[in-house]
């Protein structure tokens, strides 16, 4: 899944993407940037793979 890295300021493919649930109950996906290692967070359900 692709997300926007705030440190690199580019869209990157997430490493170790894991589906999570936010405090308000909505789905999100969390992973790491493969270049700088910064946490990438994307709101919305992860596509089925």
C-alpha atoms as a PDB file:
ATOM      1  CA  UNK A   1       0.000   0.000   0.000  1.00  0.00           C
ATOM      2  CA  UNK A   2       1.263   3.437  -0.864  1.00  0.00           C
ATOM      3  CA  UNK A   3       1.380   6.364   1.553  1.00  0.00           C
ATOM      4  CA  UNK A   4       2.886   9.837   1.789  1.00  0.00           C
ATOM      5  CA  UNK A   5       6.116  10.165   3.781  1.00  0.00           C
ATOM      6  CA  UNK A   6       6.211  13.540   5.521  1.00  0.00           C
ATOM      7  CA  UNK A   7       9.989  13.460   5.938  1.00  0.00           C
ATOM      8  CA  UNK A   8      10.849  12.540   2.308  1.00  0.00           C
ATOM      9  CA  UNK A   9       7.853  14.510   0.962  1.00  0.00           C
ATOM     10  CA  UNK A  10       7.114  11.761  -1.566  1.00  0.00           C
ATOM     11  CA  UNK A  11       4.648   8.935  -2.003  1.00  0.00           C
ATOM     12  CA  UNK A  12       6.307   5.656  -1.058  1.00  0.00           C
ATOM     13  CA  UNK A  13       5.319   2.010  -0.779  1.00  0.00           C
ATOM     14  CA  UNK A  14       4.825   1.130   2.918  1.00  0.00           C
ATOM     15  CA  UNK A  15       7.013  -1.495   4.556  1.00  0.00           C
ATOM     16  CA  UNK A  16       5.429  -3.722   7.208  1.00  0.00           C
ATOM     17  CA  UNK A  17       1.961  -2.285   6.518  1.00  0.00           C
ATOM     18  CA  UNK A  18      -0.463  -3.368   9.230  1.00  0.00           C
ATOM     19  CA  UNK A  19      -4.185  -2.613   9.469  1.00  0.00           C
ATOM     20  CA  UNK A  20      -5.155  -0.858  12.706  1.00  0.00           C
ATOM     21  CA  UNK A  21      -8.270   0.723  14.210  1.00  0.00           C
ATOM     22  CA  UNK A  22      -8.166   4.344  15.333  1.00  0.00           C
ATOM     23  CA  UNK A  23      -9.624   5.535  18.646  1.00  0.00           C
ATOM     24  CA  UNK A  24     -12.833   6.607  16.897  1.00  0.00           C
ATOM     25  CA  UNK A  25     -13.306   3.080  15.490  1.00  0.00           C
ATOM     26  CA  UNK A  26     -12.373   3.844  11.873  1.00  0.00           C
ATOM     27  CA  UNK A  27      -9.863   1.683   9.986  1.00  0.00           C
ATOM     28  CA  UNK A  28      -6.362   2.857   9.064  1.00  0.00           C
ATOM     29  CA  UNK A  29      -3.051   1.414   7.877  1.00  0.00           C
ATOM     30  CA  UNK A  30       0.325   2.005   9.485  1.00  0.00           C
ATOM     31  CA  UNK A  31       3.767   1.203   8.110  1.00  0.00           C
ATOM     32  CA  UNK A  32       7.317   2.472   7.608  1.00  0.00           C
ATOM     33  CA  UNK A  33       9.022   4.423   4.840  1.00  0.00           C
ATOM     34  CA  UNK A  34      11.583   2.131   3.148  1.00  0.00           C
ATOM     35  CA  UNK A  35      14.028   5.040   2.613  1.00  0.00           C
ATOM     36  CA  UNK A  36      14.113   6.976   5.907  1.00  0.00           C
ATOM     37  CA  UNK A  37      12.243   4.656   8.309  1.00  0.00           C
ATOM     38  CA  UNK A  38       9.648   7.270   9.334  1.00  0.00           C
ATOM     39  CA  UNK A  39       6.194   5.995  10.313  1.00  0.00           C
ATOM     40  CA  UNK A  40       3.637   6.346   7.492  1.00  0.00           C
ATOM     41  CA  UNK A  41      -0.053   6.476   8.421  1.00  0.00           C
ATOM     42  CA  UNK A  42      -2.934   6.237   5.970  1.00  0.00           C
ATOM     43  CA  UNK A  43      -6.591   6.544   6.937  1.00  0.00           C
ATOM     44  CA  UNK A  44      -8.912   4.051   5.265  1.00  0.00           C
ATOM     45  CA  UNK A  45      -9.239   0.313   4.975  1.00  0.00           C
ATOM     46  CA  UNK A  46      -6.284  -1.560   3.495  1.00  0.00           C
ATOM     47  CA  UNK A  47      -7.039  -3.326   0.203  1.00  0.00           C
ATOM     48  CA  UNK A  48      -7.378  -7.110   0.465  1.00  0.00           C
ATOM     49  CA  UNK A  49      -4.235  -8.840  -0.742  1.00  0.00           C
END
